[in-house]
PDB file of all heavy atoms in Angstrom:
ATOM      1  N   MET A   1       6.823 -41.326   0.586  1.00  0.00           N
ATOM      2  CA  MET A   1       6.640 -39.964   0.093  1.00  0.00           C
ATOM      3  C   MET A   1       7.939 -39.181   0.266  1.00  0.00           C
ATOM      4  O   MET A   1       8.817 -39.575   1.037  1.00  0.00           O
ATOM      5  CB  MET A   1       5.501 -39.281   0.861  1.00  0.00           C
ATOM      6  CG  MET A   1       4.149 -39.967   0.712  1.00  0.00           C
ATOM      7  SD  MET A   1       3.552 -39.913  -0.992  1.00  0.00           S
ATOM      8  CE  MET A   1       3.010 -38.198  -1.088  1.00  0.00           C
ATOM      9  N   PRO A   2       8.093 -38.075  -0.430  1.00  0.00           N
ATOM     10  CA  PRO A   2       9.316 -37.269  -0.272  1.00  0.00           C
ATOM     11  C   PRO A   2       9.467 -36.769   1.164  1.00  0.00           C
ATOM     12  O   PRO A   2       8.485 -36.422   1.822  1.00  0.00           O
ATOM     13  CB  PRO A   2       9.107 -36.095  -1.236  1.00  0.00           C
ATOM     14  CG  PRO A   2       8.085 -36.568  -2.209  1.00  0.00           C
ATOM     15  CD  PRO A   2       7.200 -37.499  -1.457  1.00  0.00           C
ATOM     16  N   SER A   3      10.705 -36.726   1.642  1.00  0.00           N
ATOM     17  CA  SER A   3      10.960 -36.169   2.965  1.00  0.00           C
ATOM     18  C   SER A   3      10.852 -34.647   2.904  1.00  0.00           C
ATOM     19  O   SER A   3      10.626 -34.063   1.846  1.00  0.00           O
ATOM     20  CB  SER A   3      12.342 -36.603   3.475  1.00  0.00           C
ATOM     21  OG  SER A   3      13.350 -36.229   2.556  1.00  0.00           O
ATOM     22  N   ARG A   4      11.015 -33.979   4.035  1.00  0.00           N
ATOM     23  CA  ARG A   4      10.664 -32.557   4.162  1.00  0.00           C
ATOM     24  C   ARG A   4      11.306 -31.629   3.147  1.00  0.00           C
ATOM     25  O   ARG A   4      10.684 -30.667   2.679  1.00  0.00           O
ATOM     26  CB  ARG A   4      10.994 -32.085   5.576  1.00  0.00           C
ATOM     27  CG  ARG A   4      12.421 -32.419   6.000  1.00  0.00           C
ATOM     28  CD  ARG A   4      12.612 -32.410   7.487  1.00  0.00           C
ATOM     29  NE  ARG A   4      13.703 -33.304   7.865  1.00  0.00           N
ATOM     30  CZ  ARG A   4      14.137 -33.448   9.091  1.00  0.00           C
ATOM     31  NH1 ARG A   4      13.593 -32.747  10.062  1.00  0.00           N
ATOM     32  NH2 ARG A   4      15.120 -34.291   9.364  1.00  0.00           N
ATOM     33  N   PHE A   5      12.580 -31.873   2.774  1.00  0.00           N
ATOM     34  CA  PHE A   5      13.255 -31.010   1.809  1.00  0.00           C
ATOM     35  C   PHE A   5      13.515 -31.709   0.484  1.00  0.00           C
ATOM     36  O   PHE A   5      14.220 -31.169  -0.376  1.00  0.00           O
ATOM     37  CB  PHE A   5      14.580 -30.491   2.391  1.00  0.00           C
ATOM     38  CG  PHE A   5      14.411 -29.705   3.657  1.00  0.00           C
ATOM     39  CD1 PHE A   5      15.018 -30.114   4.839  1.00  0.00           C
ATOM     40  CD2 PHE A   5      13.622 -28.563   3.678  1.00  0.00           C
ATOM     41  CE1 PHE A   5      14.854 -29.393   6.014  1.00  0.00           C
ATOM     42  CE2 PHE A   5      13.449 -27.841   4.843  1.00  0.00           C
ATOM     43  CZ  PHE A   5      14.061 -28.247   6.014  1.00  0.00           C
ATOM     44  N   GLU A   6      12.934 -32.880   0.308  1.00  0.00           N
ATOM     45  CA  GLU A   6      13.146 -33.663  -0.908  1.00  0.00           C
ATOM     46  C   GLU A   6      12.206 -33.177  -2.007  1.00  0.00           C
ATOM     47  O   GLU A   6      11.042 -32.867  -1.764  1.00  0.00           O
ATOM     48  CB  GLU A   6      12.916 -35.139  -0.623  1.00  0.00           C
ATOM     49  CG  GLU A   6      13.485 -36.080  -1.663  1.00  0.00           C
ATOM     50  CD  GLU A   6      13.510 -37.514  -1.171  1.00  0.00           C
ATOM     51  OE1 GLU A   6      12.782 -37.824  -0.197  1.00  0.00           O
ATOM     52  OE2 GLU A   6      14.255 -38.327  -1.745  1.00  0.00           O
ATOM     53  N   THR A   7      12.724 -33.106  -3.213  1.00  0.00           N
ATOM     54  CA  THR A   7      11.931 -32.666  -4.359  1.00  0.00           C
ATOM     55  C   THR A   7      11.143 -33.843  -4.938  1.00  0.00           C
ATOM     56  O   THR A   7      11.097 -34.920  -4.349  1.00  0.00           O
ATOM     57  CB  THR A   7      12.851 -32.080  -5.448  1.00  0.00           C
ATOM     58  OG1 THR A   7      13.623 -33.153  -6.030  1.00  0.00           O
ATOM     59  CG2 THR A   7      13.793 -31.036  -4.871  1.00  0.00           C
ATOM     60  N   SER A   8      10.560 -33.637  -6.107  1.00  0.00           N
ATOM     61  CA  SER A   8       9.796 -34.703  -6.765  1.00  0.00           C
ATOM     62  C   SER A   8      10.701 -35.735  -7.432  1.00  0.00           C
ATOM     63  O   SER A   8      10.206 -36.688  -8.027  1.00  0.00           O
ATOM     64  CB  SER A   8       8.843 -34.098  -7.796  1.00  0.00           C
ATOM     65  OG  SER A   8       9.543 -33.261  -8.698  1.00  0.00           O
ATOM     66  N   TRP A   9      12.021 -35.537  -7.345  1.00  0.00           N
ATOM     67  CA  TRP A   9      12.973 -36.549  -7.780  1.00  0.00           C
ATOM     68  C   TRP A   9      13.683 -37.085  -6.536  1.00  0.00           C
ATOM     69  O   TRP A   9      14.231 -36.300  -5.761  1.00  0.00           O
ATOM     70  CB  TRP A   9      13.998 -35.944  -8.745  1.00  0.00           C
ATOM     71  CG  TRP A   9      13.474 -35.805 -10.154  1.00  0.00           C
ATOM     72  CD1 TRP A   9      12.179 -35.631 -10.528  1.00  0.00           C
ATOM     73  CD2 TRP A   9      14.253 -35.820 -11.347  1.00  0.00           C
ATOM     74  NE1 TRP A   9      12.089 -35.525 -11.890  1.00  0.00           N
ATOM     75  CE2 TRP A   9      13.354 -35.640 -12.423  1.00  0.00           C
ATOM     76  CE3 TRP A   9      15.609 -35.944 -11.620  1.00  0.00           C
ATOM     77  CZ2 TRP A   9      13.770 -35.595 -13.754  1.00  0.00           C
ATOM     78  CZ3 TRP A   9      16.032 -35.894 -12.949  1.00  0.00           C
ATOM     79  CH2 TRP A   9      15.112 -35.732 -14.000  1.00  0.00           C
ATOM     80  N   PRO A  10      13.678 -38.400  -6.317  1.00  0.00           N
ATOM     81  CA  PRO A  10      14.285 -38.970  -5.107  1.00  0.00           C
ATOM     82  C   PRO A  10      15.743 -38.563  -4.931  1.00  0.00           C
ATOM     83  O   PRO A  10      16.515 -38.506  -5.901  1.00  0.00           O
ATOM     84  CB  PRO A  10      14.175 -40.487  -5.340  1.00  0.00           C
ATOM     85  CG  PRO A  10      13.036 -40.641  -6.293  1.00  0.00           C
ATOM     86  CD  PRO A  10      13.103 -39.438  -7.194  1.00  0.00           C
ATOM     87  N   ARG A  11      16.097 -38.218  -3.699  1.00  0.00           N
ATOM     88  CA  ARG A  11      17.460 -37.870  -3.294  1.00  0.00           C
ATOM     89  C   ARG A  11      17.968 -36.577  -3.929  1.00  0.00           C
ATOM     90  O   ARG A  11      19.167 -36.316  -3.915  1.00  0.00           O
ATOM     91  CB  ARG A  11      18.438 -39.028  -3.564  1.00  0.00           C
ATOM     92  CG  ARG A  11      18.120 -40.303  -2.792  1.00  0.00           C
ATOM     93  CD  ARG A  11      19.119 -41.391  -3.057  1.00  0.00           C
ATOM     94  NE  ARG A  11      19.334 -41.647  -4.468  1.00  0.00           N
ATOM     95  CZ  ARG A  11      18.465 -42.287  -5.266  1.00  0.00           C
ATOM     96  NH1 ARG A  11      17.334 -42.761  -4.768  1.00  0.00           N
ATOM     97  NH2 ARG A  11      18.746 -42.457  -6.538  1.00  0.00           N
ATOM     98  N   ILE A  12      17.068 -35.780  -4.472  1.00  0.00           N
ATOM     99  CA  ILE A  12      17.411 -34.410  -4.839  1.00  0.00           C
ATOM    100  C   ILE A  12      16.632 -33.496  -3.902  1.00  0.00           C
ATOM    101  O   ILE A  12      15.404 -33.606  -3.791  1.00  0.00           O
ATOM    102  CB  ILE A  12      17.076 -34.074  -6.307  1.00  0.00           C
ATOM    103  CG1 ILE A  12      17.940 -34.915  -7.244  1.00  0.00           C
ATOM    104  CG2 ILE A  12      17.306 -32.591  -6.577  1.00  0.00           C
ATOM    105  CD1 ILE A  12      17.790 -34.558  -8.715  1.00  0.00           C
ATOM    106  N   TYR A  13      17.346 -32.637  -3.208  1.00  0.00           N
ATOM    107  CA  TYR A  13      16.764 -31.808  -2.150  1.00  0.00           C
ATOM    108  C   TYR A  13      16.915 -30.332  -2.512  1.00  0.00           C
ATOM    109  O   TYR A  13      17.824 -29.946  -3.251  1.00  0.00           O
ATOM    110  CB  TYR A  13      17.456 -32.094  -0.809  1.00  0.00           C
ATOM    111  CG  TYR A  13      17.439 -33.549  -0.441  1.00  0.00           C
ATOM    112  CD1 TYR A  13      18.407 -34.434  -0.950  1.00  0.00           C
ATOM    113  CD2 TYR A  13      16.457 -34.073   0.390  1.00  0.00           C
ATOM    114  CE1 TYR A  13      18.389 -35.790  -0.634  1.00  0.00           C
ATOM    115  CE2 TYR A  13      16.426 -35.428   0.715  1.00  0.00           C
ATOM    116  CZ  TYR A  13      17.395 -36.272   0.193  1.00  0.00           C
ATOM    117  OH  TYR A  13      17.357 -37.606   0.505  1.00  0.00           O
ATOM    118  N   ALA A  14      16.036 -29.518  -1.976  1.00  0.00           N
ATOM    119  CA  ALA A  14      16.123 -28.070  -2.180  1.00  0.00           C
ATOM    120  C   ALA A  14      16.111 -27.386  -0.824  1.00  0.00           C
ATOM    121  O   ALA A  14      15.251 -27.680   0.021  1.00  0.00           O
ATOM    122  CB  ALA A  14      14.959 -27.570  -3.039  1.00  0.00           C
ATOM    123  N   VAL A  15      17.066 -26.485  -0.616  1.00  0.00           N
ATOM    124  CA  VAL A  15      17.155 -25.753   0.653  1.00  0.00           C
ATOM    125  C   VAL A  15      17.406 -24.274   0.376  1.00  0.00           C
ATOM    126  O   VAL A  15      17.935 -23.895  -0.666  1.00  0.00           O
ATOM    127  CB  VAL A  15      18.277 -26.314   1.561  1.00  0.00           C
ATOM    128  CG1 VAL A  15      18.051 -27.778   1.884  1.00  0.00           C
ATOM    129  CG2 VAL A  15      19.650 -26.108   0.920  1.00  0.00           C
ATOM    130  N   GLY A  16      17.018 -23.450   1.323  1.00  0.00           N
ATOM    131  CA  GLY A  16      17.274 -22.022   1.216  1.00  0.00           C
ATOM    132  C   GLY A  16      16.306 -21.305   0.292  1.00  0.00           C
ATOM    133  O   GLY A  16      15.178 -21.768   0.058  1.00  0.00           O
ATOM    134  N   ASP A  17      16.745 -20.199  -0.271  1.00  0.00           N
ATOM    135  CA  ASP A  17      15.870 -19.302  -1.022  1.00  0.00           C
ATOM    136  C   ASP A  17      15.229 -19.947  -2.239  1.00  0.00           C
ATOM    137  O   ASP A  17      14.177 -19.495  -2.700  1.00  0.00           O
ATOM    138  CB  ASP A  17      16.654 -18.067  -1.474  1.00  0.00           C
ATOM    139  CG  ASP A  17      17.029 -17.164  -0.321  1.00  0.00           C
ATOM    140  OD1 ASP A  17      16.633 -17.471   0.821  1.00  0.00           O
ATOM    141  OD2 ASP A  17      17.726 -16.158  -0.558  1.00  0.00           O
ATOM    142  N   VAL A  18      15.840 -20.977  -2.794  1.00  0.00           N
ATOM    143  CA  VAL A  18      15.308 -21.597  -4.007  1.00  0.00           C
ATOM    144  C   VAL A  18      14.066 -22.442  -3.726  1.00  0.00           C
ATOM    145  O   VAL A  18      13.301 -22.763  -4.638  1.00  0.00           O
ATOM    146  CB  VAL A  18      16.406 -22.466  -4.670  1.00  0.00           C
ATOM    147  CG1 VAL A  18      16.597 -23.785  -3.904  1.00  0.00           C
ATOM    148  CG2 VAL A  18      16.095 -22.731  -6.131  1.00  0.00           C
ATOM    149  N   ARG A  19      13.816 -22.755  -2.476  1.00  0.00           N
ATOM    150  CA  ARG A  19      12.729 -23.661  -2.106  1.00  0.00           C
ATOM    151  C   ARG A  19      11.435 -22.891  -1.853  1.00  0.00           C
ATOM    152  O   ARG A  19      11.439 -21.857  -1.191  1.00  0.00           O
ATOM    153  CB  ARG A  19      13.115 -24.455  -0.849  1.00  0.00           C
ATOM    154  CG  ARG A  19      12.125 -25.549  -0.470  1.00  0.00           C
ATOM    155  CD  ARG A  19      12.618 -26.307   0.738  1.00  0.00           C
ATOM    156  NE  ARG A  19      12.578 -25.484   1.941  1.00  0.00           N
ATOM    157  CZ  ARG A  19      11.480 -25.302   2.682  1.00  0.00           C
ATOM    158  NH1 ARG A  19      10.334 -25.873   2.342  1.00  0.00           N
ATOM    159  NH2 ARG A  19      11.537 -24.551   3.762  1.00  0.00           N
ATOM    160  N   LYS A  20      10.337 -23.405  -2.356  1.00  0.00           N
ATOM    161  CA  LYS A  20       9.027 -22.802  -2.107  1.00  0.00           C
ATOM    162  C   LYS A  20       8.732 -22.823  -0.611  1.00  0.00           C
ATOM    163  O   LYS A  20       8.892 -23.831   0.062  1.00  0.00           O
ATOM    164  CB  LYS A  20       7.934 -23.582  -2.843  1.00  0.00           C
ATOM    165  CG  LYS A  20       6.504 -23.159  -2.467  1.00  0.00           C
ATOM    166  CD  LYS A  20       5.470 -23.981  -3.190  1.00  0.00           C
ATOM    167  CE  LYS A  20       4.082 -23.784  -2.582  1.00  0.00           C
ATOM    168  NZ  LYS A  20       3.635 -22.399  -2.587  1.00  0.00           N
ATOM    169  N   GLY A  21       8.284 -21.689  -0.093  1.00  0.00           N
ATOM    170  CA  GLY A  21       7.884 -21.605   1.309  1.00  0.00           C
ATOM    171  C   GLY A  21       9.018 -21.390   2.276  1.00  0.00           C
ATOM    172  O   GLY A  21       8.774 -21.325   3.486  1.00  0.00           O
ATOM    173  N   SER A  22      10.240 -21.258   1.799  1.00  0.00           N
ATOM    174  CA  SER A  22      11.353 -21.046   2.721  1.00  0.00           C
ATOM    175  C   SER A  22      11.288 -19.642   3.304  1.00  0.00           C
ATOM    176  O   SER A  22      10.788 -18.707   2.676  1.00  0.00           O
ATOM    177  CB  SER A  22      12.698 -21.250   2.016  1.00  0.00           C
ATOM    178  OG  SER A  22      12.901 -20.256   1.035  1.00  0.00           O
ATOM    179  N   VAL A  23      11.801 -19.511   4.514  1.00  0.00           N
ATOM    180  CA  VAL A  23      11.910 -18.192   5.139  1.00  0.00           C
ATOM    181  C   VAL A  23      13.198 -17.562   4.648  1.00  0.00           C
ATOM    182  O   VAL A  23      14.272 -18.129   4.801  1.00  0.00           O
ATOM    183  CB  VAL A  23      11.917 -18.319   6.679  1.00  0.00           C
ATOM    184  CG1 VAL A  23      12.095 -16.942   7.318  1.00  0.00           C
ATOM    185  CG2 VAL A  23      10.630 -18.963   7.152  1.00  0.00           C
ATOM    186  N   LYS A  24      13.105 -16.403   4.045  1.00  0.00           N
ATOM    187  CA  LYS A  24      14.274 -15.777   3.414  1.00  0.00           C
ATOM    188  C   LYS A  24      15.150 -15.108   4.472  1.00  0.00           C
ATOM    189  O   LYS A  24      15.220 -13.893   4.594  1.00  0.00           O
ATOM    190  CB  LYS A  24      13.821 -14.779   2.348  1.00  0.00           C
ATOM    191  CG  LYS A  24      12.910 -15.384   1.279  1.00  0.00           C
ATOM    192  CD  LYS A  24      13.570 -16.555   0.574  1.00  0.00           C
ATOM    193  CE  LYS A  24      12.746 -17.071  -0.599  1.00  0.00           C
ATOM    194  NZ  LYS A  24      11.603 -17.875  -0.206  1.00  0.00           N
ATOM    195  N   ARG A  25      15.786 -15.944   5.281  1.00  0.00           N
ATOM    196  CA  ARG A  25      16.689 -15.501   6.332  1.00  0.00           C
ATOM    197  C   ARG A  25      17.927 -16.383   6.310  1.00  0.00           C
ATOM    198  O   ARG A  25      17.856 -17.576   5.988  1.00  0.00           O
ATOM    199  CB  ARG A  25      16.040 -15.586   7.719  1.00  0.00           C
ATOM    200  CG  ARG A  25      14.807 -14.706   7.911  1.00  0.00           C
ATOM    201  CD  ARG A  25      15.185 -13.241   8.051  1.00  0.00           C
ATOM    202  NE  ARG A  25      14.024 -12.429   8.384  1.00  0.00           N
ATOM    203  CZ  ARG A  25      13.185 -11.906   7.521  1.00  0.00           C
ATOM    204  NH1 ARG A  25      13.361 -12.135   6.231  1.00  0.00           N
ATOM    205  NH2 ARG A  25      12.165 -11.159   7.911  1.00  0.00           N
ATOM    206  N   VAL A  26      19.060 -15.830   6.668  1.00  0.00           N
ATOM    207  CA  VAL A  26      20.302 -16.591   6.687  1.00  0.00           C
ATOM    208  C   VAL A  26      20.198 -17.774   7.640  1.00  0.00           C
ATOM    209  O   VAL A  26      20.569 -18.904   7.302  1.00  0.00           O
ATOM    210  CB  VAL A  26      21.489 -15.688   7.072  1.00  0.00           C
ATOM    211  CG1 VAL A  26      22.752 -16.520   7.284  1.00  0.00           C
ATOM    212  CG2 VAL A  26      21.731 -14.643   5.996  1.00  0.00           C
ATOM    213  N   ALA A  27      19.683 -17.524   8.845  1.00  0.00           N
ATOM    214  CA  ALA A  27      19.601 -18.581   9.846  1.00  0.00           C
ATOM    215  C   ALA A  27      18.724 -19.734   9.369  1.00  0.00           C
ATOM    216  O   ALA A  27      19.030 -20.910   9.610  1.00  0.00           O
ATOM    217  CB  ALA A  27      19.060 -18.016  11.162  1.00  0.00           C
ATOM    218  N   SER A  28      17.628 -19.410   8.675  1.00  0.00           N
ATOM    219  CA  SER A  28      16.740 -20.446   8.167  1.00  0.00           C
ATOM    220  C   SER A  28      17.432 -21.287   7.106  1.00  0.00           C
ATOM    221  O   SER A  28      17.332 -22.520   7.104  1.00  0.00           O
ATOM    222  CB  SER A  28      15.477 -19.802   7.593  1.00  0.00           C
ATOM    223  OG  SER A  28      14.631 -20.777   7.027  1.00  0.00           O
ATOM    224  N   SER A  29      18.157 -20.635   6.189  1.00  0.00           N
ATOM    225  CA  SER A  29      18.869 -21.371   5.149  1.00  0.00           C
ATOM    226  C   SER A  29      19.933 -22.284   5.741  1.00  0.00           C
ATOM    227  O   SER A  29      20.094 -23.431   5.315  1.00  0.00           O
ATOM    228  CB  SER A  29      19.520 -20.389   4.167  1.00  0.00           C
ATOM    229  OG  SER A  29      18.555 -19.667   3.454  1.00  0.00           O
ATOM    230  N   VAL A  30      20.662 -21.786   6.741  1.00  0.00           N
ATOM    231  CA  VAL A  30      21.671 -22.604   7.413  1.00  0.00           C
ATOM    232  C   VAL A  30      21.008 -23.803   8.091  1.00  0.00           C
ATOM    233  O   VAL A  30      21.519 -24.933   8.026  1.00  0.00           O
ATOM    234  CB  VAL A  30      22.462 -21.763   8.433  1.00  0.00           C
ATOM    235  CG1 VAL A  30      23.340 -22.656   9.311  1.00  0.00           C
ATOM    236  CG2 VAL A  30      23.321 -20.730   7.717  1.00  0.00           C
ATOM    237  N   GLY A  31      19.870 -23.558   8.731  1.00  0.00           N
ATOM    238  CA  GLY A  31      19.158 -24.651   9.384  1.00  0.00           C
ATOM    239  C   GLY A  31      18.719 -25.725   8.400  1.00  0.00           C
ATOM    240  O   GLY A  31      18.899 -26.924   8.651  1.00  0.00           O
ATOM    241  N   GLU A  32      18.166 -25.298   7.265  1.00  0.00           N
ATOM    242  CA  GLU A  32      17.723 -26.267   6.268  1.00  0.00           C
ATOM    243  C   GLU A  32      18.909 -27.051   5.703  1.00  0.00           C
ATOM    244  O   GLU A  32      18.831 -28.267   5.507  1.00  0.00           O
ATOM    245  CB  GLU A  32      16.975 -25.553   5.144  1.00  0.00           C
ATOM    246  CG  GLU A  32      15.630 -24.969   5.580  1.00  0.00           C
ATOM    247  CD  GLU A  32      14.874 -24.331   4.427  1.00  0.00           C
ATOM    248  OE1 GLU A  32      15.285 -24.522   3.260  1.00  0.00           O
ATOM    249  OE2 GLU A  32      13.853 -23.672   4.690  1.00  0.00           O
ATOM    250  N   GLY A  33      20.004 -26.340   5.416  1.00  0.00           N
ATOM    251  CA  GLY A  33      21.172 -27.009   4.864  1.00  0.00           C
ATOM    252  C   GLY A  33      21.786 -28.027   5.805  1.00  0.00           C
ATOM    253  O   GLY A  33      22.327 -29.045   5.367  1.00  0.00           O
ATOM    254  N   SER A  34      21.687 -27.772   7.101  1.00  0.00           N
ATOM    255  CA  SER A  34      22.247 -28.716   8.074  1.00  0.00           C
ATOM    256  C   SER A  34      21.302 -29.888   8.333  1.00  0.00           C
ATOM    257  O   SER A  34      21.730 -31.045   8.379  1.00  0.00           O
ATOM    258  CB  SER A  34      22.564 -27.998   9.382  1.00  0.00           C
ATOM    259  OG  SER A  34      21.412 -27.373   9.918  1.00  0.00           O
ATOM    260  N   VAL A  35      20.018 -29.592   8.451  1.00  0.00           N
ATOM    261  CA  VAL A  35      19.044 -30.647   8.764  1.00  0.00           C
ATOM    262  C   VAL A  35      18.878 -31.632   7.608  1.00  0.00           C
ATOM    263  O   VAL A  35      18.661 -32.825   7.823  1.00  0.00           O
ATOM    264  CB  VAL A  35      17.683 -30.005   9.119  1.00  0.00           C
ATOM    265  CG1 VAL A  35      16.585 -31.060   9.166  1.00  0.00           C
ATOM    266  CG2 VAL A  35      17.768 -29.289  10.461  1.00  0.00           C
ATOM    267  N   VAL A  36      19.009 -31.158   6.368  1.00  0.00           N
ATOM    268  CA  VAL A  36      18.778 -32.031   5.217  1.00  0.00           C
ATOM    269  C   VAL A  36      19.759 -33.202   5.181  1.00  0.00           C
ATOM    270  O   VAL A  36      19.474 -34.245   4.584  1.00  0.00           O
ATOM    271  CB  VAL A  36      18.860 -31.214   3.900  1.00  0.00           C
ATOM    272  CG1 VAL A  36      20.297 -30.866   3.549  1.00  0.00           C
ATOM    273  CG2 VAL A  36      18.201 -31.965   2.757  1.00  0.00           C
ATOM    274  N   VAL A  37      20.891 -33.058   5.837  1.00  0.00           N
ATOM    275  CA  VAL A  37      21.896 -34.115   5.790  1.00  0.00           C
ATOM    276  C   VAL A  37      21.389 -35.407   6.426  1.00  0.00           C
ATOM    277  O   VAL A  37      21.705 -36.507   5.955  1.00  0.00           O
ATOM    278  CB  VAL A  37      23.205 -33.642   6.469  1.00  0.00           C
ATOM    279  CG1 VAL A  37      24.224 -34.771   6.530  1.00  0.00           C
ATOM    280  CG2 VAL A  37      23.789 -32.457   5.704  1.00  0.00           C
ATOM    281  N   SER A  38      20.579 -35.300   7.473  1.00  0.00           N
ATOM    282  CA  SER A  38      20.034 -36.521   8.076  1.00  0.00           C
ATOM    283  C   SER A  38      19.103 -37.236   7.102  1.00  0.00           C
ATOM    284  O   SER A  38      19.067 -38.473   7.049  1.00  0.00           O
ATOM    285  CB  SER A  38      19.286 -36.184   9.375  1.00  0.00           C
ATOM    286  OG  SER A  38      18.163 -35.355   9.115  1.00  0.00           O
ATOM    287  N   ASP A  39      18.352 -36.480   6.302  1.00  0.00           N
ATOM    288  CA  ASP A  39      17.492 -37.086   5.284  1.00  0.00           C
ATOM    289  C   ASP A  39      18.327 -37.761   4.196  1.00  0.00           C
ATOM    290  O   ASP A  39      17.953 -38.821   3.684  1.00  0.00           O
ATOM    291  CB  ASP A  39      16.596 -36.022   4.647  1.00  0.00           C
ATOM    292  CG  ASP A  39      15.622 -35.390   5.640  1.00  0.00           C
ATOM    293  OD1 ASP A  39      15.386 -36.002   6.698  1.00  0.00           O
ATOM    294  OD2 ASP A  39      15.114 -34.288   5.352  1.00  0.00           O
TER     295      ASP A  39
END
């Protein structure tokens, strides 16, 4: 199944404000952008 930030297309990820359910905060966007790299 898709990983936490992975979209319905494999190896395409969405982070920050463009993602459904994201917290619209700078710190949250930075966290998502950094964590997605392990995926």
